[in-house]
All heavy atoms as atom14 arrays in JSON, in Angstrom:
{
  "sequence": "EEGCQCYTCKNYSRAYLRHLYKAEEILALRLVTYHNLYFLLEFMRQMR",
  "atom14_mask": [
    [1, 1, 1, 1, 1, 1, 1, 1, 1, 0, 0, 0, 0, 0],
    [1, 1, 1, 1, 1, 1, 1, 1, 1, 0, 0, 0, 0, 0],
    [1, 1, 1, 1, 0, 0, 0, 0, 0, 0, 0, 0, 0, 0],
    [1, 1, 1, 1, 1, 1, 0, 0, 0, 0, 0, 0, 0, 0],
    [1, 1, 1, 1, 1, 1, 1, 1, 1, 0, 0, 0, 0, 0],
    [1, 1, 1, 1, 1, 1, 0, 0, 0, 0, 0, 0, 0, 0],
    [1, 1, 1, 1, 1, 1, 1, 1, 1, 1, 1, 1, 0, 0],
    [1, 1, 1, 1, 1, 1, 1, 0, 0, 0, 0, 0, 0, 0],
    [1, 1, 1, 1, 1, 1, 0, 0, 0, 0, 0, 0, 0, 0],
    [1, 1, 1, 1, 1, 1, 1, 1, 1, 0, 0, 0, 0, 0],
    [1, 1, 1, 1, 1, 1, 1, 1, 0, 0, 0, 0, 0, 0],
    [1, 1, 1, 1, 1, 1, 1, 1, 1, 1, 1, 1, 0, 0],
    [1, 1, 1, 1, 1, 1, 0, 0, 0, 0, 0, 0, 0, 0],
    [1, 1, 1, 1, 1, 1, 1, 1, 1, 1, 1, 0, 0, 0],
    [1, 1, 1, 1, 1, 0, 0, 0, 0, 0, 0, 0, 0, 0],
    [1, 1, 1, 1, 1, 1, 1, 1, 1, 1, 1, 1, 0, 0],
    [1, 1, 1, 1, 1, 1, 1, 1, 0, 0, 0, 0, 0, 0],
    [1, 1, 1, 1, 1, 1, 1, 1, 1, 1, 1, 0, 0, 0],
    [1, 1, 1, 1, 1, 1, 1, 1, 1, 1, 0, 0, 0, 0],
    [1, 1, 1, 1, 1, 1, 1, 1, 0, 0, 0, 0, 0, 0],
    [1, 1, 1, 1, 1, 1, 1, 1, 1, 1, 1, 1, 0, 0],
    [1, 1, 1, 1, 1, 1, 1, 1, 1, 0, 0, 0, 0, 0],
    [1, 1, 1, 1, 1, 0, 0, 0, 0, 0, 0, 0, 0, 0],
    [1, 1, 1, 1, 1, 1, 1, 1, 1, 0, 0, 0, 0, 0],
    [1, 1, 1, 1, 1, 1, 1, 1, 1, 0, 0, 0, 0, 0],
    [1, 1, 1, 1, 1, 1, 1, 1, 0, 0, 0, 0, 0, 0],
    [1, 1, 1, 1, 1, 1, 1, 1, 0, 0, 0, 0, 0, 0],
    [1, 1, 1, 1, 1, 0, 0, 0, 0, 0, 0, 0, 0, 0],
    [1, 1, 1, 1, 1, 1, 1, 1, 0, 0, 0, 0, 0, 0],
    [1, 1, 1, 1, 1, 1, 1, 1, 1, 1, 1, 0, 0, 0],
    [1, 1, 1, 1, 1, 1, 1, 1, 0, 0, 0, 0, 0, 0],
    [1, 1, 1, 1, 1, 1, 1, 0, 0, 0, 0, 0, 0, 0],
    [1, 1, 1, 1, 1, 1, 1, 0, 0, 0, 0, 0, 0, 0],
    [1, 1, 1, 1, 1, 1, 1, 1, 1, 1, 1, 1, 0, 0],
    [1, 1, 1, 1, 1, 1, 1, 1, 1, 1, 0, 0, 0, 0],
    [1, 1, 1, 1, 1, 1, 1, 1, 0, 0, 0, 0, 0, 0],
    [1, 1, 1, 1, 1, 1, 1, 1, 0, 0, 0, 0, 0, 0],
    [1, 1, 1, 1, 1, 1, 1, 1, 1, 1, 1, 1, 0, 0],
    [1, 1, 1, 1, 1, 1, 1, 1, 1, 1, 1, 0, 0, 0],
    [1, 1, 1, 1, 1, 1, 1, 1, 0, 0, 0, 0, 0, 0],
    [1, 1, 1, 1, 1, 1, 1, 1, 0, 0, 0, 0, 0, 0],
    [1, 1, 1, 1, 1, 1, 1, 1, 1, 0, 0, 0, 0, 0],
    [1, 1, 1, 1, 1, 1, 1, 1, 1, 1, 1, 0, 0, 0],
    [1, 1, 1, 1, 1, 1, 1, 1, 0, 0, 0, 0, 0, 0],
    [1, 1, 1, 1, 1, 1, 1, 1, 1, 1, 1, 0, 0, 0],
    [1, 1, 1, 1, 1, 1, 1, 1, 1, 0, 0, 0, 0, 0],
    [1, 1, 1, 1, 1, 1, 1, 1, 0, 0, 0, 0, 0, 0],
    [1, 1, 1, 1, 1, 1, 1, 1, 1, 1, 1, 0, 0, 0]
  ],
  "atom14_positions": [
    [[-69.08, -76.11, -96.67], [-68.09, -77.19, -96.68], [-67.33, -77.17, -98.0], [-67.94, -77.22, -99.07], [-68.76, -78.54, -96.48], [-67.75, -79.69, -96.46], [-68.33, -80.96, -95.87], [-69.48, -81.29, -96.17], [-67.6, -81.61, -95.11], [0.0, 0.0, 0.0], [0.0, 0.0, 0.0], [0.0, 0.0, 0.0], [0.0, 0.0, 0.0], [0.0, 0.0, 0.0]],
    [[-66.01, -77.1, -97.9], [-65.18, -77.14, -99.1], [-65.4, -78.45, -99.85], [-65.42, -79.53, -99.27], [-63.7, -77.01, -98.72], [-63.29, -75.65, -98.19], [-63.31, -74.56, -99.25], [-63.38, -74.9, -100.46], [-63.24, -73.38, -98.87], [0.0, 0.0, 0.0], [0.0, 0.0, 0.0], [0.0, 0.0, 0.0], [0.0, 0.0, 0.0], [0.0, 0.0, 0.0]],
    [[-65.58, -78.33, -101.17], [-65.75, -79.52, -101.99], [-67.17, -80.01, -102.13], [-67.45, -80.86, -102.98], [0.0, 0.0, 0.0], [0.0, 0.0, 0.0], [0.0, 0.0, 0.0], [0.0, 0.0, 0.0], [0.0, 0.0, 0.0], [0.0, 0.0, 0.0], [0.0, 0.0, 0.0], [0.0, 0.0, 0.0], [0.0, 0.0, 0.0], [0.0, 0.0, 0.0]],
    [[-68.09, -79.5, -101.31], [-69.49, -79.93, -101.41], [-70.08, -79.4, -102.72], [-69.9, -78.24, -103.08], [-70.3, -79.41, -100.22], [-72.06, -79.84, -100.3], [0.0, 0.0, 0.0], [0.0, 0.0, 0.0], [0.0, 0.0, 0.0], [0.0, 0.0, 0.0], [0.0, 0.0, 0.0], [0.0, 0.0, 0.0], [0.0, 0.0, 0.0], [0.0, 0.0, 0.0]],
    [[-70.82, -80.25, -103.42], [-71.38, -79.9, -104.73], [-72.83, -79.44, -104.66], [-73.48, -79.32, -105.7], [-71.26, -81.09, -105.67], [-69.83, -81.49, -105.97], [-69.04, -80.35, -106.6], [-69.43, -79.79, -107.63], [-67.93, -79.99, -105.97], [0.0, 0.0, 0.0], [0.0, 0.0, 0.0], [0.0, 0.0, 0.0], [0.0, 0.0, 0.0], [0.0, 0.0, 0.0]],
    [[-73.35, -79.19, -103.46], [-74.75, -78.76, -103.37], [-74.88, -77.31, -103.82], [-73.91, -76.54, -103.85], [-75.29, -78.95, -101.95], [-74.89, -77.63, -100.78], [0.0, 0.0, 0.0], [0.0, 0.0, 0.0], [0.0, 0.0, 0.0], [0.0, 0.0, 0.0], [0.0, 0.0, 0.0], [0.0, 0.0, 0.0], [0.0, 0.0, 0.0], [0.0, 0.0, 0.0]],
    [[-76.1, -76.92, -104.17], [-76.39, -75.57, -104.65], [-75.94, -74.52, -103.64], [-75.37, -73.48, -104.01], [-77.89, -75.44, -104.91], [-78.35, -74.03, -105.19], [-78.2, -73.46, -106.44], [-78.94, -73.27, -104.18], [-78.62, -72.16, -106.69], [-79.37, -71.97, -104.42], [-79.21, -71.42, -105.67], [-79.63, -70.14, -105.91], [0.0, 0.0, 0.0], [0.0, 0.0, 0.0]],
    [[-76.18, -74.76, -102.36], [-75.83, -73.79, -101.33], [-74.33, -73.54, -101.29], [-73.88, -72.4, -101.29], [-76.33, -74.27, -99.96], [-77.76, -74.44, -100.0], [-75.98, -73.28, -98.86], [0.0, 0.0, 0.0], [0.0, 0.0, 0.0], [0.0, 0.0, 0.0], [0.0, 0.0, 0.0], [0.0, 0.0, 0.0], [0.0, 0.0, 0.0], [0.0, 0.0, 0.0]],
    [[-73.55, -74.62, -101.26], [-72.11, -74.48, -101.13], [-71.47, -73.9, -102.4], [-70.42, -73.24, -102.33], [-71.48, -75.83, -100.79], [-71.8, -76.33, -99.08], [0.0, 0.0, 0.0], [0.0, 0.0, 0.0], [0.0, 0.0, 0.0], [0.0, 0.0, 0.0], [0.0, 0.0, 0.0], [0.0, 0.0, 0.0], [0.0, 0.0, 0.0], [0.0, 0.0, 0.0]],
    [[-72.08, -74.12, -103.54], [-71.51, -73.59, -104.8], [-71.85, -72.13, -105.01], [-71.25, -71.48, -105.88], [-72.02, -74.42, -105.98], [-71.41, -75.81, -106.05], [-71.59, -76.48, -107.4], [-73.03, -76.85, -107.67], [-73.17, -77.63, -108.93], [0.0, 0.0, 0.0], [0.0, 0.0, 0.0], [0.0, 0.0, 0.0], [0.0, 0.0, 0.0], [0.0, 0.0, 0.0]],
    [[-72.76, -71.58, -104.22], [-73.23, -70.22, -104.49], [-73.17, -69.24, -103.32], [-73.23, -68.03, -103.56], [-74.67, -70.27, -105.0], [-74.78, -70.86, -106.38], [-74.53, -70.2, -107.39], [-75.14, -72.16, -106.44], [0.0, 0.0, 0.0], [0.0, 0.0, 0.0], [0.0, 0.0, 0.0], [0.0, 0.0, 0.0], [0.0, 0.0, 0.0], [0.0, 0.0, 0.0]],
    [[-73.04, -69.72, -102.09], [-73.15, -68.81, -100.95], [-72.05, -69.05, -99.92], [-71.6, -70.18, -99.72], [-74.52, -68.97, -100.27], [-75.67, -68.7, -101.22], [-76.36, -69.75, -101.8], [-76.02, -67.39, -101.55], [-77.4, -69.52, -102.69], [-77.05, -67.15, -102.44], [-77.74, -68.21, -103.01], [-78.77, -67.96, -103.89], [0.0, 0.0, 0.0], [0.0, 0.0, 0.0]],
    [[-71.65, -67.99, -99.26], [-70.59, -68.06, -98.26], [-71.18, -68.24, -96.87], [-72.36, -67.98, -96.62], [-69.75, -66.78, -98.28], [-70.54, -65.67, -97.84], [0.0, 0.0, 0.0], [0.0, 0.0, 0.0], [0.0, 0.0, 0.0], [0.0, 0.0, 0.0], [0.0, 0.0, 0.0], [0.0, 0.0, 0.0], [0.0, 0.0, 0.0], [0.0, 0.0, 0.0]],
    [[-70.3, -68.66, -95.95], [-70.71, -68.76, -94.55], [-71.13, -67.4, -94.01], [-72.09, -67.29, -93.25], [-69.56, -69.32, -93.72], [-69.19, -70.76, -94.03], [-67.98, -71.19, -93.21], [-67.66, -72.6, -93.42], [-66.65, -73.23, -92.83], [-65.86, -72.55, -92.0], [-66.43, -74.5, -93.06], [0.0, 0.0, 0.0], [0.0, 0.0, 0.0], [0.0, 0.0, 0.0]],
    [[-70.4, -66.37, -94.41], [-70.72, -65.02, -93.93], [-72.13, -64.6, -94.36], [-72.89, -64.02, -93.58], [-69.69, -64.03, -94.46], [0.0, 0.0, 0.0], [0.0, 0.0, 0.0], [0.0, 0.0, 0.0], [0.0, 0.0, 0.0], [0.0, 0.0, 0.0], [0.0, 0.0, 0.0], [0.0, 0.0, 0.0], [0.0, 0.0, 0.0], [0.0, 0.0, 0.0]],
    [[-72.47, -64.89, -95.62], [-73.81, -64.53, -96.11], [-74.89, -65.32, -95.38], [-75.92, -64.77, -94.98], [-73.89, -64.77, -97.61], [-75.26, -64.46, -98.19], [-75.75, -63.16, -98.21], [-76.07, -65.49, -98.68], [-77.0, -62.88, -98.73], [-77.32, -65.22, -99.21], [-77.78, -63.91, -99.23], [-79.03, -63.63, -99.74], [0.0, 0.0, 0.0], [0.0, 0.0, 0.0]],
    [[-74.66, -66.63, -95.2], [-75.64, -67.46, -94.51], [-75.84, -66.99, -93.07], [-76.97, -66.95, -92.57], [-75.21, -68.92, -94.54], [-75.23, -69.58, -95.93], [-74.53, -70.93, -95.9], [-76.66, -69.73, -96.43], [0.0, 0.0, 0.0], [0.0, 0.0, 0.0], [0.0, 0.0, 0.0], [0.0, 0.0, 0.0], [0.0, 0.0, 0.0], [0.0, 0.0, 0.0]],
    [[-74.73, -66.63, -92.42], [-74.85, -66.12, -91.04], [-75.7, -64.85, -91.03], [-76.55, -64.65, -90.15], [-73.47, -65.85, -90.45], [-73.54, -65.31, -89.02], [-72.17, -65.04, -88.44], [-72.29, -64.56, -87.08], [-72.47, -63.29, -86.73], [-72.53, -62.35, -87.68], [-72.59, -62.94, -85.46], [0.0, 0.0, 0.0], [0.0, 0.0, 0.0], [0.0, 0.0, 0.0]],
    [[-75.44, -63.97, -92.0], [-76.23, -62.74, -92.1], [-77.72, -63.05, -92.24], [-78.57, -62.41, -91.6], [-75.77, -61.91, -93.3], [-76.82, -60.98, -93.83], [-77.23, -59.86, -93.13], [-77.57, -61.02, -94.97], [-78.19, -59.25, -93.83], [-78.41, -59.94, -94.94], [0.0, 0.0, 0.0], [0.0, 0.0, 0.0], [0.0, 0.0, 0.0], [0.0, 0.0, 0.0]],
    [[-78.07, -64.04, -93.08], [-79.47, -64.38, -93.28], [-80.13, -64.84, -91.99], [-81.27, -64.48, -91.69], [-79.6, -65.47, -94.34], [-79.24, -65.09, -95.78], [-79.42, -66.29, -96.7], [-80.11, -63.92, -96.27], [0.0, 0.0, 0.0], [0.0, 0.0, 0.0], [0.0, 0.0, 0.0], [0.0, 0.0, 0.0], [0.0, 0.0, 0.0], [0.0, 0.0, 0.0]],
    [[-79.39, -65.64, -91.21], [-79.95, -66.08, -89.93], [-80.13, -64.92, -88.96], [-81.15, -64.8, -88.28], [-79.06, -67.16, -89.29], [-79.35, -68.54, -89.8], [-78.51, -69.13, -90.75], [-80.45, -69.27, -89.35], [-78.77, -70.4, -91.24], [-80.72, -70.54, -89.83], [-79.88, -71.1, -90.77], [-80.14, -72.36, -91.25], [0.0, 0.0, 0.0], [0.0, 0.0, 0.0]],
    [[-79.14, -64.07, -88.9], [-79.22, -62.92, -88.0], [-80.35, -61.97, -88.4], [-80.99, -61.35, -87.55], [-77.88, -62.16, -87.97], [-76.77, -62.92, -87.28], [-77.11, -63.19, -85.83], [-76.0, -63.92, -85.1], [-76.34, -64.18, -83.68], [0.0, 0.0, 0.0], [0.0, 0.0, 0.0], [0.0, 0.0, 0.0], [0.0, 0.0, 0.0], [0.0, 0.0, 0.0]],
    [[-80.62, -61.89, -89.7], [-81.71, -61.04, -90.19], [-83.05, -61.77, -90.19], [-84.07, -61.19, -90.57], [-81.38, -60.57, -91.61], [0.0, 0.0, 0.0], [0.0, 0.0, 0.0], [0.0, 0.0, 0.0], [0.0, 0.0, 0.0], [0.0, 0.0, 0.0], [0.0, 0.0, 0.0], [0.0, 0.0, 0.0], [0.0, 0.0, 0.0], [0.0, 0.0, 0.0]],
    [[-83.04, -63.04, -89.76], [-84.25, -63.86, -89.69], [-84.94, -63.99, -91.05], [-86.16, -63.95, -91.16], [-85.22, -63.32, -88.63], [-84.62, -63.31, -87.23], [-85.62, -62.86, -86.17], [-86.72, -62.4, -86.53], [-85.29, -62.99, -84.98], [0.0, 0.0, 0.0], [0.0, 0.0, 0.0], [0.0, 0.0, 0.0], [0.0, 0.0, 0.0], [0.0, 0.0, 0.0]],
    [[-84.11, -64.17, -92.07], [-84.63, -64.35, -93.42], [-84.97, -65.83, -93.67], [-84.18, -66.72, -93.31], [-83.61, -63.88, -94.46], [-83.45, -62.36, -94.53], [-84.66, -61.68, -95.17], [-85.47, -62.38, -95.81], [-84.78, -60.45, -95.01], [0.0, 0.0, 0.0], [0.0, 0.0, 0.0], [0.0, 0.0, 0.0], [0.0, 0.0, 0.0], [0.0, 0.0, 0.0]],
    [[-86.09, -66.09, -94.3], [-86.53, -67.46, -94.57], [-85.54, -68.2, -95.46], [-85.36, -69.41, -95.35], [-87.94, -67.44, -95.21], [-88.95, -66.91, -94.2], [-88.34, -68.82, -95.69], [-90.34, -66.7, -94.78], [0.0, 0.0, 0.0], [0.0, 0.0, 0.0], [0.0, 0.0, 0.0], [0.0, 0.0, 0.0], [0.0, 0.0, 0.0], [0.0, 0.0, 0.0]],
    [[-84.86, -67.47, -96.34], [-83.9, -68.1, -97.24], [-82.82, -68.86, -96.47], [-82.31, -69.88, -96.96], [-83.26, -67.05, -98.15], [-82.28, -67.59, -99.21], [-82.97, -68.59, -100.13], [-81.66, -66.43, -100.0], [0.0, 0.0, 0.0], [0.0, 0.0, 0.0], [0.0, 0.0, 0.0], [0.0, 0.0, 0.0], [0.0, 0.0, 0.0], [0.0, 0.0, 0.0]],
    [[-82.46, -68.38, -95.29], [-81.45, -69.08, -94.49], [-81.87, -70.52, -94.21], [-81.07, -71.45, -94.37], [-81.23, -68.33, -93.17], [0.0, 0.0, 0.0], [0.0, 0.0, 0.0], [0.0, 0.0, 0.0], [0.0, 0.0, 0.0], [0.0, 0.0, 0.0], [0.0, 0.0, 0.0], [0.0, 0.0, 0.0], [0.0, 0.0, 0.0], [0.0, 0.0, 0.0]],
    [[-83.12, -70.7, -93.81], [-83.61, -72.03, -93.49], [-83.6, -72.92, -94.72], [-83.25, -74.1, -94.66], [-85.03, -71.96, -92.92], [-85.33, -70.85, -91.9], [-86.75, -71.0, -91.37], [-84.34, -70.89, -90.76], [0.0, 0.0, 0.0], [0.0, 0.0, 0.0], [0.0, 0.0, 0.0], [0.0, 0.0, 0.0], [0.0, 0.0, 0.0], [0.0, 0.0, 0.0]],
    [[-83.99, -72.35, -95.85], [-84.04, -73.12, -97.11], [-82.64, -73.57, -97.54], [-82.44, -74.73, -97.9], [-84.68, -72.29, -98.22], [-86.19, -72.24, -98.13], [-86.85, -71.42, -99.22], [-86.29, -71.5, -100.55], [-86.44, -72.53, -101.39], [-87.12, -73.59, -101.01], [-85.89, -72.49, -102.6], [0.0, 0.0, 0.0], [0.0, 0.0, 0.0], [0.0, 0.0, 0.0]],
    [[-81.69, -72.67, -97.5], [-80.36, -72.99, -98.01], [-79.64, -74.02, -97.15], [-78.97, -74.93, -97.68], [-79.52, -71.71, -98.11], [-79.96, -70.72, -99.19], [-79.11, -69.46, -99.13], [-79.88, -71.34, -100.59], [0.0, 0.0, 0.0], [0.0, 0.0, 0.0], [0.0, 0.0, 0.0], [0.0, 0.0, 0.0], [0.0, 0.0, 0.0], [0.0, 0.0, 0.0]],
    [[-79.76, -73.93, -95.84], [-79.07, -74.9, -94.98], [-79.82, -76.24, -94.96], [-79.2, -77.3, -94.88], [-78.85, -74.33, -93.56], [-78.17, -75.37, -92.66], [-77.98, -73.08, -93.64], [0.0, 0.0, 0.0], [0.0, 0.0, 0.0], [0.0, 0.0, 0.0], [0.0, 0.0, 0.0], [0.0, 0.0, 0.0], [0.0, 0.0, 0.0], [0.0, 0.0, 0.0]],
    [[-81.14, -76.19, -95.06], [-81.9, -77.44, -95.21], [-81.47, -78.17, -96.48], [-81.24, -79.38, -96.48], [-83.41, -77.17, -95.25], [-83.83, -76.61, -94.01], [-84.2, -78.45, -95.52], [0.0, 0.0, 0.0], [0.0, 0.0, 0.0], [0.0, 0.0, 0.0], [0.0, 0.0, 0.0], [0.0, 0.0, 0.0], [0.0, 0.0, 0.0], [0.0, 0.0, 0.0]],
    [[-81.35, -77.43, -97.57], [-80.9, -77.99, -98.85], [-79.54, -78.68, -98.66], [-79.34, -79.82, -99.09], [-80.79, -76.86, -99.88], [-80.63, -77.3, -101.31], [-81.67, -77.16, -102.22], [-79.43, -77.83, -101.77], [-81.53, -77.56, -103.55], [-79.28, -78.23, -103.1], [-80.32, -78.08, -103.98], [-80.18, -78.47, -105.29], [0.0, 0.0, 0.0], [0.0, 0.0, 0.0]],
    [[-78.62, -77.97, -98.02], [-77.29, -78.53, -97.81], [-77.32, -79.79, -96.95], [-76.69, -80.8, -97.27], [-76.37, -77.5, -97.16], [-75.09, -78.1, -96.65], [-74.0, -78.35, -97.44], [-74.77, -78.56, -95.4], [-73.04, -78.93, -96.73], [-73.48, -79.06, -95.49], [0.0, 0.0, 0.0], [0.0, 0.0, 0.0], [0.0, 0.0, 0.0], [0.0, 0.0, 0.0]],
    [[-78.04, -79.73, -95.82], [-78.07, -80.87, -94.9], [-78.63, -82.12, -95.56], [-78.11, -83.23, -95.37], [-78.88, -80.52, -93.65], [-78.11, -79.64, -92.69], [-76.94, -79.32, -92.91], [-78.76, -79.22, -91.62], [0.0, 0.0, 0.0], [0.0, 0.0, 0.0], [0.0, 0.0, 0.0], [0.0, 0.0, 0.0], [0.0, 0.0, 0.0], [0.0, 0.0, 0.0]],
    [[-79.71, -81.97, -96.3], [-80.28, -83.12, -96.98], [-79.34, -83.65, -98.05], [-79.17, -84.87, -98.21], [-81.65, -82.78, -97.57], [-82.78, -82.56, -96.56], [-84.05, -82.11, -97.26], [-83.04, -83.85, -95.77], [0.0, 0.0, 0.0], [0.0, 0.0, 0.0], [0.0, 0.0, 0.0], [0.0, 0.0, 0.0], [0.0, 0.0, 0.0], [0.0, 0.0, 0.0]],
    [[-78.72, -82.73, -98.8], [-77.75, -83.16, -99.81], [-76.62, -83.94, -99.15], [-76.19, -84.99, -99.66], [-77.17, -81.95, -100.55], [-76.13, -82.32, -101.58], [-76.49, -82.56, -102.91], [-74.79, -82.44, -101.23], [-75.54, -82.92, -103.86], [-73.83, -82.81, -102.16], [-74.2, -83.04, -103.48], [-73.27, -83.41, -104.41], [0.0, 0.0, 0.0], [0.0, 0.0, 0.0]],
    [[-76.14, -83.44, -98.03], [-75.04, -84.11, -97.33], [-75.41, -85.55, -96.97], [-74.64, -86.49, -97.23], [-74.66, -83.34, -96.06], [-73.85, -84.16, -95.09], [-72.51, -84.41, -95.34], [-74.43, -84.7, -93.95], [-71.77, -85.21, -94.47], [-73.7, -85.49, -93.08], [-72.36, -85.74, -93.33], [0.0, 0.0, 0.0], [0.0, 0.0, 0.0], [0.0, 0.0, 0.0]],
    [[-76.58, -85.74, -96.35], [-76.96, -87.09, -95.94], [-77.21, -88.01, -97.13], [-76.83, -89.18, -97.11], [-78.21, -87.04, -95.05], [-77.98, -86.68, -93.58], [-79.27, -86.84, -92.79], [-76.88, -87.53, -92.95], [0.0, 0.0, 0.0], [0.0, 0.0, 0.0], [0.0, 0.0, 0.0], [0.0, 0.0, 0.0], [0.0, 0.0, 0.0], [0.0, 0.0, 0.0]],
    [[-77.84, -87.49, -98.17], [-78.08, -88.3, -99.36], [-76.77, -88.69, -100.03], [-76.6, -89.83, -100.49], [-79.0, -87.56, -100.32], [-80.43, -87.33, -99.82], [-81.15, -86.31, -100.69], [-81.2, -88.64, -99.77], [0.0, 0.0, 0.0], [0.0, 0.0, 0.0], [0.0, 0.0, 0.0], [0.0, 0.0, 0.0], [0.0, 0.0, 0.0], [0.0, 0.0, 0.0]],
    [[-75.83, -87.76, -100.08], [-74.52, -88.05, -100.66], [-73.75, -89.04, -99.77], [-73.05, -89.93, -100.27], [-73.72, -86.77, -100.83], [-72.32, -86.94, -101.4], [-72.3, -87.51, -102.82], [-73.34, -87.47, -103.52], [-71.23, -88.02, -103.22], [0.0, 0.0, 0.0], [0.0, 0.0, 0.0], [0.0, 0.0, 0.0], [0.0, 0.0, 0.0], [0.0, 0.0, 0.0]],
    [[-73.89, -88.89, -98.47], [-73.26, -89.81, -97.53], [-73.74, -91.24, -97.78], [-72.95, -92.19, -97.8], [-73.59, -89.38, -96.1], [-72.84, -90.12, -95.03], [-71.49, -89.91, -94.83], [-73.49, -91.03, -94.19], [-70.79, -90.59, -93.83], [-72.82, -91.71, -93.2], [-71.47, -91.48, -93.02], [0.0, 0.0, 0.0], [0.0, 0.0, 0.0], [0.0, 0.0, 0.0]],
    [[-75.04, -91.4, -98.01], [-75.6, -92.73, -98.3], [-75.12, -93.24, -99.66], [-74.83, -94.44, -99.81], [-77.13, -92.69, -98.27], [-77.74, -92.23, -96.96], [-77.18, -93.16, -95.51], [-77.99, -94.73, -95.78], [0.0, 0.0, 0.0], [0.0, 0.0, 0.0], [0.0, 0.0, 0.0], [0.0, 0.0, 0.0], [0.0, 0.0, 0.0], [0.0, 0.0, 0.0]],
    [[-75.03, -92.35, -100.64], [-74.54, -92.76, -101.96], [-73.09, -93.26, -101.87], [-72.72, -94.25, -102.51], [-74.64, -91.61, -102.96], [-76.07, -91.3, -103.4], [-76.1, -90.32, -104.55], [-75.77, -88.96, -104.16], [-76.69, -88.03, -103.85], [-77.98, -88.32, -103.88], [-76.3, -86.81, -103.53], [0.0, 0.0, 0.0], [0.0, 0.0, 0.0], [0.0, 0.0, 0.0]],
    [[-72.29, -92.57, -101.07], [-70.89, -92.98, -100.92], [-70.79, -94.32, -100.2], [-69.93, -95.15, -100.53], [-70.11, -91.9, -100.16], [-69.94, -90.6, -100.93], [-69.07, -90.77, -102.16], [-68.16, -91.6, -102.18], [-69.34, -89.99, -103.2], [0.0, 0.0, 0.0], [0.0, 0.0, 0.0], [0.0, 0.0, 0.0], [0.0, 0.0, 0.0], [0.0, 0.0, 0.0]],
    [[-71.65, -94.55, -99.22], [-71.65, -95.84, -98.53], [-72.05, -96.96, -99.47], [-71.45, -98.04, -99.47], [-72.57, -95.8, -97.3], [-71.9, -95.26, -96.07], [-72.73, -95.71, -94.53], [-74.14, -94.63, -94.59], [0.0, 0.0, 0.0], [0.0, 0.0, 0.0], [0.0, 0.0, 0.0], [0.0, 0.0, 0.0], [0.0, 0.0, 0.0], [0.0, 0.0, 0.0]],
    [[-73.09, -96.72, -100.26], [-73.53, -97.74, -101.22], [-72.39, -98.08, -102.2], [-72.13, -99.26, -102.49], [-74.76, -97.25, -101.99], [-75.19, -98.16, -103.11], [-76.42, -97.62, -103.84], [-76.59, -98.28, -105.13], [-77.15, -99.47, -105.3], [-77.61, -100.14, -104.26], [-77.26, -100.0, -106.51], [0.0, 0.0, 0.0], [0.0, 0.0, 0.0], [0.0, 0.0, 0.0]]
  ]
}
């Protein structure tokens, strides 16, 4: 996501993440989990 400040978005591309999933690499799960949790926590911070 453009503008997202999470570690995943600042360091990795969609193409690389897709590759990790296709290669069944554990890092794929970690990086997208990191992003999803960051997104929801930031969403709550913005609402507050």
